[in-house]
Protein backbone atom coordinates (compact mmCIF):
# COMPACT_ATOMS: atom_id res chain seq x y z
CA MET A 1 -14.05 -11.33 -29.30
CA ASN A 2 -11.90 -8.90 -29.69
CA LEU A 3 -9.53 -7.38 -26.87
CA GLU A 4 -11.84 -4.44 -26.91
CA GLN A 5 -15.05 -6.89 -26.66
CA GLN A 6 -13.49 -8.99 -23.71
CA VAL A 7 -12.57 -6.40 -21.56
CA ARG A 8 -15.62 -4.72 -21.86
CA ASP A 9 -17.48 -7.68 -21.16
CA ILE A 10 -15.34 -8.04 -18.22
CA ALA A 11 -16.28 -4.44 -17.17
CA LEU A 12 -20.19 -5.13 -17.59
CA LYS A 13 -20.21 -8.12 -15.50
CA ALA A 14 -17.78 -6.75 -12.61
CA ARG A 15 -20.61 -4.27 -12.48
CA GLU A 16 -23.59 -6.07 -11.98
CA ALA A 17 -21.84 -8.29 -9.58
CA GLY A 18 -21.20 -4.91 -7.33
CA ARG A 19 -24.60 -4.37 -7.20
CA LEU A 20 -24.97 -8.24 -6.04
CA MET A 21 -21.98 -7.86 -4.00
CA ALA A 22 -22.95 -4.41 -1.93
CA ARG A 23 -26.12 -6.13 -1.27
CA ALA A 24 -24.53 -9.38 0.27
CA ASP A 25 -25.19 -9.69 4.06
CA SER A 26 -21.75 -10.17 6.78
CA GLU A 27 -22.48 -13.99 7.35
CA LYS A 28 -22.04 -14.59 3.27
CA LYS A 29 -19.08 -12.51 2.90
CA ASN A 30 -17.17 -13.85 5.95
CA ARG A 31 -17.79 -17.16 4.71
CA ALA A 32 -16.09 -16.75 1.85
CA LEU A 33 -12.99 -15.46 3.45
CA GLU A 34 -12.86 -18.18 5.80
CA ILE A 35 -13.39 -21.07 2.61
CA LEU A 36 -10.58 -19.20 0.96
CA ALA A 37 -7.99 -18.86 3.81
CA ASP A 38 -8.37 -23.23 4.34
CA LEU A 39 -8.12 -23.68 0.64
CA LEU A 40 -4.71 -21.28 0.79
CA GLU A 41 -3.02 -23.68 3.26
CA GLN A 42 -4.84 -27.06 1.66
CA LYS A 43 -3.22 -25.93 -1.50
CA SER A 44 0.12 -23.78 -0.28
CA GLY A 45 2.34 -26.38 -2.43
CA LYS A 46 0.40 -25.63 -5.53
CA ILE A 47 0.92 -21.72 -5.19
CA LEU A 48 4.63 -21.98 -4.05
CA GLU A 49 4.93 -24.27 -7.46
CA ALA A 50 3.31 -21.58 -9.64
CA ASN A 51 5.92 -19.25 -7.56
CA ILE A 52 8.78 -21.15 -8.03
CA LYS A 53 8.32 -20.83 -11.78
CA ASP A 54 7.54 -16.80 -12.16
CA VAL A 55 10.66 -16.44 -10.08
CA HIS A 56 12.52 -18.66 -12.20
CA GLU A 57 11.42 -17.55 -15.66
CA ALA A 58 11.40 -13.68 -13.77
CA GLU A 59 15.59 -14.30 -13.59
CA ASN A 60 15.74 -15.77 -16.67
CA ARG A 61 14.36 -12.31 -17.87
CA GLY A 62 17.09 -10.02 -15.79
CA LEU A 63 14.11 -8.50 -13.97
CA ASP A 64 15.25 -6.06 -11.18
CA LYS A 65 16.66 -7.32 -7.95
CA ALA A 66 13.42 -5.21 -5.79
CA ARG A 67 11.45 -7.08 -8.38
CA VAL A 68 11.90 -9.95 -8.05
CA GLU A 69 11.88 -9.72 -4.15
CA ARG A 70 8.32 -8.43 -4.22
CA LEU A 71 7.79 -11.80 -6.79
CA LYS A 72 9.05 -14.06 -4.11
CA LEU A 73 5.99 -16.41 -2.19
CA ASP A 74 7.84 -18.83 0.52
CA SER A 75 4.95 -20.76 2.69
CA GLY A 76 5.12 -18.12 5.81
CA ALA A 77 3.74 -16.10 3.23
CA VAL A 78 0.46 -18.22 1.97
CA LYS A 79 0.30 -18.94 5.84
CA SER A 80 0.16 -14.46 6.20
CA MET A 81 -2.62 -14.38 3.41
CA ALA A 82 -4.35 -16.81 5.23
CA GLY A 83 -4.05 -15.30 8.39
CA ALA A 84 -5.02 -11.91 6.67
CA CYS A 85 -8.09 -13.64 5.21
CA ARG A 86 -9.01 -14.58 8.54
CA GLU A 87 -8.19 -10.96 9.96
CA VAL A 88 -10.30 -9.32 7.65
CA ALA A 89 -13.32 -11.86 8.79
CA ALA A 90 -13.48 -11.03 11.86
CA MET A 91 -12.96 -7.36 11.50
CA HIS A 92 -16.58 -5.61 12.16
CA ASP A 93 -18.62 -4.64 8.70
CA PRO A 94 -18.23 -1.20 7.51
CA VAL A 95 -21.16 -1.28 5.44
CA GLY A 96 -25.09 0.05 6.03
CA GLY A 97 -23.17 1.91 8.97
CA ILE A 98 -24.51 5.36 9.71
CA GLU A 99 -22.59 7.90 11.27
CA SER A 100 -23.13 11.07 12.38
CA MET A 101 -26.80 11.33 12.96
CA HIS A 102 -27.82 15.20 13.45
CA ARG A 103 -31.41 16.85 14.25
CA ARG A 104 -31.76 19.56 11.69
CA PRO A 105 -34.25 23.20 12.49
CA SER A 106 -36.65 21.78 10.15
CA GLY A 107 -37.14 18.60 11.65
CA ILE A 108 -35.25 15.88 9.31
CA THR A 109 -32.60 14.07 11.06
CA VAL A 110 -29.49 14.06 9.16
CA GLY A 111 -26.90 11.36 8.97
CA ARG A 112 -24.07 9.14 6.81
CA MET A 113 -24.93 5.82 6.07
CA ARG A 114 -21.86 4.22 4.59
CA ILE A 115 -22.01 2.68 1.41
CA PRO A 116 -19.31 0.46 -1.17
CA LEU A 117 -17.27 2.50 -3.74
CA GLY A 118 -19.03 0.12 -6.35
CA VAL A 119 -16.20 -1.56 -8.97
CA VAL A 120 -12.35 -1.20 -7.94
CA ALA A 121 -9.97 -1.88 -10.41
CA ILE A 122 -6.77 -3.01 -9.33
CA ILE A 123 -3.31 -2.78 -11.60
CA TYR A 124 -0.03 -4.15 -10.13
CA GLU A 125 3.34 -5.36 -10.52
CA SER A 126 5.54 -8.48 -9.18
CA ARG A 127 3.75 -8.88 -5.15
CA PRO A 128 1.07 -11.95 -5.57
CA ASN A 129 -0.44 -11.32 -2.63
CA VAL A 130 -1.44 -8.14 -3.69
CA THR A 131 -4.09 -10.89 -5.43
CA ILE A 132 -5.20 -12.38 -2.05
CA ASP A 133 -4.98 -8.59 0.11
CA ALA A 134 -6.97 -6.91 -2.85
CA ALA A 135 -10.31 -9.97 -3.18
CA ILE A 136 -10.01 -9.83 0.69
CA LEU A 137 -10.42 -6.48 1.29
CA CYS A 138 -13.05 -4.84 -1.93
CA LEU A 139 -15.02 -8.48 -0.97
CA LYS A 140 -15.71 -7.63 2.62
CA ALA A 141 -16.66 -3.74 1.66
CA GLY A 142 -19.02 -4.86 -0.63
CA ASN A 143 -16.95 -4.16 -3.66
CA ALA A 144 -16.15 -5.99 -6.68
CA VAL A 145 -12.94 -6.01 -7.71
CA ILE A 146 -10.99 -6.12 -10.79
CA LEU A 147 -7.50 -8.12 -10.96
CA ARG A 148 -5.00 -7.70 -13.34
CA GLY A 149 -1.35 -8.36 -12.11
CA GLY A 150 2.01 -8.69 -14.00
CA SER A 151 2.84 -10.60 -16.64
CA GLU A 152 6.01 -11.73 -14.49
CA ALA A 153 3.18 -12.57 -11.29
CA ALA A 154 1.03 -14.67 -14.20
CA ASN A 155 1.04 -18.39 -12.45
CA SER A 156 1.40 -17.53 -9.23
CA ASN A 157 -1.98 -15.18 -9.69
CA GLU A 158 -3.81 -17.44 -11.66
CA ALA A 159 -3.54 -20.37 -9.01
CA LEU A 160 -4.79 -17.85 -6.18
CA ALA A 161 -7.74 -16.39 -8.57
CA GLY A 162 -8.65 -20.12 -9.10
CA PHE A 163 -8.97 -20.50 -5.01
CA ILE A 164 -10.40 -17.03 -4.49
CA SER A 165 -13.58 -18.21 -7.49
CA MET A 166 -13.65 -21.18 -5.58
CA ALA A 167 -14.33 -18.94 -2.42
CA LEU A 168 -16.93 -17.02 -3.56
CA ALA A 169 -18.86 -20.08 -5.66
CA GLN A 170 -18.79 -22.26 -2.49
CA SER A 171 -20.27 -18.91 -0.27
CA GLY A 172 -23.10 -18.60 -2.49
CA LEU A 173 -21.71 -15.18 -3.81
CA SER A 174 -21.33 -13.86 -7.62
CA GLU A 175 -17.81 -15.50 -9.01
CA ASN A 176 -17.89 -12.22 -10.73
CA GLY A 177 -16.86 -10.43 -8.23
CA VAL A 178 -13.50 -10.58 -8.12
CA CYS A 179 -12.83 -10.86 -11.70
CA SER A 180 -8.88 -10.68 -13.81
CA LEU A 181 -7.93 -9.69 -17.15
CA PRO A 182 -7.01 -12.18 -18.31
CA SER A 183 -4.72 -10.86 -21.19
CA THR A 184 -1.06 -10.17 -20.31
CA ASP A 185 -1.56 -7.31 -23.14
CA ARG A 186 -0.72 -3.88 -21.84
CA GLU A 187 -3.61 -2.10 -24.45
CA ALA A 188 -6.68 -4.44 -22.41
CA VAL A 189 -4.94 -2.38 -19.13
CA ARG A 190 -5.67 1.03 -21.59
CA ILE A 191 -9.28 -0.43 -22.89
CA MET A 192 -9.99 -0.71 -18.79
CA LEU A 193 -8.99 2.24 -18.13
CA LYS A 194 -11.64 3.81 -20.46
CA GLN A 195 -14.40 2.18 -18.55
CA ASP A 196 -15.45 5.01 -16.32
CA ASP A 197 -19.29 4.24 -16.49
CA CYS A 198 -18.28 0.56 -14.70
CA ILE A 199 -15.54 0.76 -12.84
CA ASP A 200 -15.56 3.21 -9.75
CA VAL A 201 -11.87 3.44 -8.94
CA VAL A 202 -8.46 2.61 -10.01
CA ILE A 203 -5.73 1.78 -7.63
CA PRO A 204 -2.03 1.15 -9.08
CA ARG A 205 0.53 -0.34 -7.14
CA GLY A 206 4.23 -1.00 -8.86
CA GLY A 207 6.95 1.52 -9.69
CA GLU A 208 6.57 5.01 -11.15
CA GLY A 209 6.74 4.33 -14.15
CA LEU A 210 3.20 2.15 -14.02
CA ILE A 211 1.49 5.19 -11.64
CA ARG A 212 2.14 8.44 -13.94
CA ALA A 213 0.67 5.90 -17.35
CA VAL A 214 -2.71 4.65 -15.25
CA VAL A 215 -2.88 8.18 -14.12
CA GLN A 216 -2.40 9.84 -17.82
CA ASP A 217 -5.26 7.14 -19.14
CA ALA A 218 -7.47 6.68 -16.55
CA THR A 219 -10.80 8.57 -16.30
CA MET A 220 -11.96 7.48 -13.22
CA PRO A 221 -10.26 8.79 -9.86
CA VAL A 222 -6.97 7.40 -8.94
CA LEU A 223 -6.14 5.82 -5.35
CA LYS A 224 -1.96 6.15 -5.96
CA HIS A 225 1.47 7.03 -4.75
CA TYR A 226 4.46 7.30 -6.57
CA LYS A 227 7.37 6.48 -4.96
CA GLY A 228 7.88 6.09 -1.15
CA VAL A 229 11.03 8.92 -0.19
CA CYS A 230 11.23 8.05 3.38
CA HIS A 231 13.70 9.88 5.59
CA ILE A 232 14.31 9.88 9.94
CA TYR A 233 15.99 12.38 11.05
CA VAL A 234 17.75 12.33 14.37
CA HIS A 235 17.03 14.73 16.30
CA ASN A 236 20.59 16.39 18.77
CA ASP A 237 18.30 14.58 21.84
CA ALA A 238 17.55 11.51 20.48
CA ASP A 239 18.99 8.33 21.98
CA LEU A 240 21.53 7.46 19.67
CA ASP A 241 21.67 2.98 20.55
CA ARG A 242 17.46 3.50 19.65
CA ALA A 243 18.11 5.13 16.85
CA LEU A 244 20.82 2.49 15.57
CA ASP A 245 17.77 -0.07 16.18
CA ILE A 246 15.10 2.12 14.42
CA VAL A 247 17.96 3.27 11.43
CA GLN A 248 18.72 -0.54 10.67
CA ASN A 249 15.45 -1.91 10.70
CA ALA A 250 13.98 0.80 8.26
CA LYS A 251 17.04 0.25 5.46
CA VAL A 252 17.99 -3.23 6.25
CA GLN A 253 14.78 -5.42 6.88
CA ARG A 254 13.44 -5.00 3.43
CA PRO A 255 14.85 -2.32 1.13
CA GLY A 256 12.82 -2.52 -1.63
CA VAL A 257 9.66 -1.64 0.00
CA CYS A 258 7.83 2.13 -0.50
CA ASN A 259 8.17 2.21 3.26
CA ALA A 260 11.99 1.19 3.65
CA LEU A 261 14.46 4.37 4.40
CA GLU A 262 15.69 6.19 1.91
CA CYS A 263 17.62 9.03 3.25
CA LEU A 264 18.71 9.55 6.76
CA LEU A 265 19.33 13.55 8.27
CA VAL A 266 21.42 14.10 10.79
CA HIS A 267 21.75 16.63 13.64
CA SER A 268 24.85 18.41 13.83
CA ASP A 269 26.23 18.03 17.52
CA VAL A 270 24.74 14.15 17.10
CA ALA A 271 26.51 13.29 13.84
CA GLY A 272 30.13 13.29 14.67
CA ASP A 273 28.95 10.36 17.50
CA PHE A 274 26.23 8.78 15.33
CA LEU A 275 27.41 8.01 11.78
CA PRO A 276 30.68 6.14 12.65
CA ARG A 277 28.70 3.65 14.72
CA LEU A 278 26.36 3.77 12.10
CA SER A 279 28.83 2.27 9.43
CA TYR A 280 30.54 0.45 11.78
CA ARG A 281 27.00 -1.01 12.76
CA LEU A 282 25.99 -1.47 8.95
CA ALA A 283 29.10 -2.79 7.82
CA GLY A 284 27.62 -6.25 7.63
CA ASP A 285 24.48 -5.11 5.83
CA GLN A 286 26.52 -4.05 2.63
CA VAL A 287 25.45 -0.13 2.76
CA GLU A 288 26.30 2.09 1.17
CA TYR A 289 25.98 6.22 1.38
CA ARG A 290 25.16 9.02 -0.61
CA ALA A 291 26.73 10.91 1.48
CA CYS A 292 27.03 15.16 1.34
CA GLU A 293 30.58 17.30 2.61
CA LYS A 294 29.90 16.79 5.91
CA SER A 295 28.49 13.06 6.81
CA LEU A 296 30.87 11.95 4.28
CA PRO A 297 34.29 12.39 6.00
CA LEU A 298 32.05 9.89 8.96
CA LEU A 299 30.71 7.20 7.67
CA GLY A 300 34.21 5.40 5.97
CA ASP A 301 34.91 3.47 2.87
CA ALA A 302 31.08 2.40 2.18
CA ALA A 303 30.32 5.99 1.00
CA GLY A 304 30.42 8.72 -1.95
CA PRO A 305 29.70 11.65 -2.56
CA ALA A 306 25.93 12.32 -3.07
CA ALA A 307 24.87 13.54 -6.55
CA PRO A 308 22.45 16.50 -7.12
CA ASP A 309 19.73 14.27 -7.86
CA ASP A 310 20.29 11.36 -4.80
CA PHE A 311 18.34 13.73 -2.22
CA GLY A 312 14.70 12.65 -3.18
CA ARG A 313 15.50 9.46 -5.17
CA GLU A 314 13.78 6.56 -3.91
CA PHE A 315 16.54 4.17 -4.57
CA LEU A 316 15.05 0.65 -3.75
CA SER A 317 18.52 -1.13 -2.82
CA LEU A 318 20.67 -0.70 0.34
CA THR A 319 22.32 2.58 -0.72
CA MET A 320 21.08 5.39 1.42
CA ALA A 321 21.71 9.15 1.08
CA VAL A 322 22.54 11.17 4.03
CA ARG A 323 23.21 14.45 4.97
CA VAL A 324 24.17 16.04 8.29
CA VAL A 325 21.70 19.31 9.09
CA ASP A 326 21.76 21.87 11.43
CA SER A 327 18.14 22.26 13.39
CA GLN A 328 15.06 20.98 12.99
CA ASP A 329 14.20 23.95 10.85
CA GLN A 330 16.87 22.70 8.04
CA ALA A 331 15.12 18.82 8.60
CA GLN A 332 11.56 19.85 8.05
CA GLU A 333 12.78 21.63 5.34
CA HIS A 334 14.42 18.61 3.70
CA ILE A 335 11.70 16.38 3.88
CA ASP A 336 8.82 19.31 2.52
CA LYS A 337 11.51 19.43 -0.84
CA PHE A 338 12.38 15.96 -1.17
CA GLY A 339 9.52 13.91 0.55
CA SER A 340 7.22 11.99 -1.06
CA GLY A 341 3.83 12.29 1.31
CA HIS A 342 4.75 8.56 2.04
CA SER A 343 6.32 7.82 5.97
CA GLU A 344 8.48 10.59 7.71
CA ALA A 345 10.69 9.64 11.33
CA ILE A 346 12.19 11.89 14.03
CA LEU A 347 14.00 10.11 16.42
CA THR A 348 14.18 12.16 19.94
CA ARG A 349 13.30 12.48 23.85
CA ASP A 350 12.75 15.97 23.69
CA TYR A 351 9.03 16.51 23.66
CA SER A 352 7.81 19.81 22.15
CA SER A 353 10.24 18.55 19.51
CA SER A 354 8.35 15.64 18.32
CA MET A 355 5.53 16.64 18.76
CA ARG A 356 6.16 19.74 16.38
CA PHE A 357 7.54 16.67 13.57
CA LEU A 358 3.61 15.36 14.08
CA ARG A 359 2.20 18.24 13.54
CA GLU A 360 4.08 19.92 10.87
CA VAL A 361 5.52 17.32 8.91
CA ASP A 362 3.50 15.79 5.70
CA ALA A 363 3.17 12.29 5.25
CA SER A 364 0.54 9.96 5.22
CA ALA A 365 2.01 8.08 7.95
CA VAL A 366 4.36 10.14 10.74
CA PHE A 367 6.63 8.87 13.04
CA VAL A 368 8.47 9.79 16.29
CA ASN A 369 11.12 7.13 17.21
CA ALA A 370 9.82 3.94 15.14
CA SER A 371 10.70 2.41 12.41
CA THR A 372 9.01 3.88 8.71
CA ARG A 373 8.72 -0.20 7.66
CA PHE A 374 5.47 0.39 10.41
CA ASN A 375 3.59 2.23 7.21
CA ASP A 376 1.35 -0.76 6.65
CA GLY A 377 -2.53 -1.97 7.06
CA GLY A 378 -1.57 -4.68 8.71
CA GLN A 379 0.84 -3.61 11.09
CA PHE A 380 -1.74 -0.57 11.85
CA GLY A 381 -4.73 -3.07 12.85
CA LEU A 382 -6.70 -3.24 9.37
CA GLY A 383 -5.54 -6.26 8.47
CA ALA A 384 -4.40 -6.31 5.51
CA GLU A 385 -4.30 -3.15 2.70
CA ILE A 386 -4.83 -2.75 -0.66
CA GLY A 387 -2.06 0.03 -0.81
CA ILE A 388 -1.03 3.25 0.09
CA SER A 389 -1.81 6.21 -0.42
CA THR A 390 -0.57 9.89 -0.59
CA SER A 391 -3.61 11.16 -2.00
CA LYS A 392 -5.65 13.06 0.32
CA LEU A 393 -9.18 12.71 -1.24
CA HIS A 394 -10.52 10.14 -0.06
CA ALA A 395 -7.90 8.27 1.64
CA TYR A 396 -4.80 8.94 3.02
CA GLY A 397 -2.23 6.39 4.67
CA PRO A 398 -2.82 2.35 4.45
CA MET A 399 -5.98 1.73 2.82
CA GLY A 400 -8.46 -1.19 4.14
CA VAL A 401 -12.11 -2.12 4.35
CA ARG A 402 -13.31 1.36 5.56
CA GLU A 403 -10.86 3.39 3.08
CA LEU A 404 -12.64 1.04 0.46
CA THR A 405 -16.02 2.43 1.52
CA SER A 406 -17.82 5.84 0.70
CA THR A 407 -20.99 7.57 2.56
CA LYS A 408 -23.91 8.65 1.24
CA PHE A 409 -25.99 10.77 3.28
CA VAL A 410 -29.40 10.09 4.38
CA VAL A 411 -32.18 11.40 5.56
CA LEU A 412 -35.49 10.75 7.99
CA GLY A 413 -38.49 12.49 8.00
CA GLU A 414 -41.77 12.86 9.52
CA GLY A 415 -43.65 14.54 6.37
CA GLN A 416 -41.77 18.24 6.42
CA ILE A 417 -41.25 20.19 3.38
CA ARG A 418 -38.71 22.65 2.63
CA GLY A 419 -41.00 25.94 2.93
């Protein structure tokens, strides 16, 4: 069987499995999730052994630090994956729920029933935990899923996929409910992206180059975000001690992820006080600054002048752009121009300013006095997430179980005919 036939066969099997998964009852789906959680805990040693091999190979290949960081697993990460399985199992099953029933003048009653999307393809780089997140969310939502992880995580993904198959089989669900593309050949992805008669939606997770390539090749809808250029605006009425904590967390905790802070905007009334304190606070974290003319003399030796393309740039490192602004208008204009629709925050004690920011700033999550790092499905109570969408059609923000369903109209009648 050649590559095109292999990929087509997988797509057809996933389509058939999708029909079976859509009919599966909650008890079976939850049982599979519980079994998978137990397997992850019992076999964590094998998972970590596979991951160590991937990390070693990635470092030898010269993979950049951000991708190596996303690739790494430890015992805590495996425990979190098992916890996500149990949390998703405990969640309400949206499939089959009927919403917004209302009676029309004709006498018919019209509502919407929540249904699975069908077959979801996930294409992702690094992050082997996506293998588990994607599988469990699609399973709970009654979807079949085709997984295509990056070659850098091949050993980790293979180990995890094996345990998923075991869980599906032991719970009486179709083992084809979660499929993996067997080839690391990029041509396999291009072939898969043409199977729109079998695959209902594709979700890419990774760098901007990967996502744009998927959008260009896919003949089915794509749920995506290109990059996470996240801003925090320190208002002139901000609590500066609290702001130091929030900015440090947003920039330093995990600088290589999409909800990390990339550009700091500071009101000119507080910049002279706040920015030197920030530079001192983050010196031990080795943060470097690409600073505007007004902020440059306030940030010390770690700062250099910002180039024009530093604003709107996703650094994915301990580098941060900084700009002093004279008003909230100017801050929001900057976000409108350079933001990516991902995560934006204002730090202020002024109620009207915070409410205005919430109303007017366009992003999948907008924060008041909190770190952008909270833009995450687990933190928002979704159990886990399959990705963060900055596309407004269908889903905007972290996508959990509910976002992996759609609705169809259901109509209840008593013999009515249309006149």
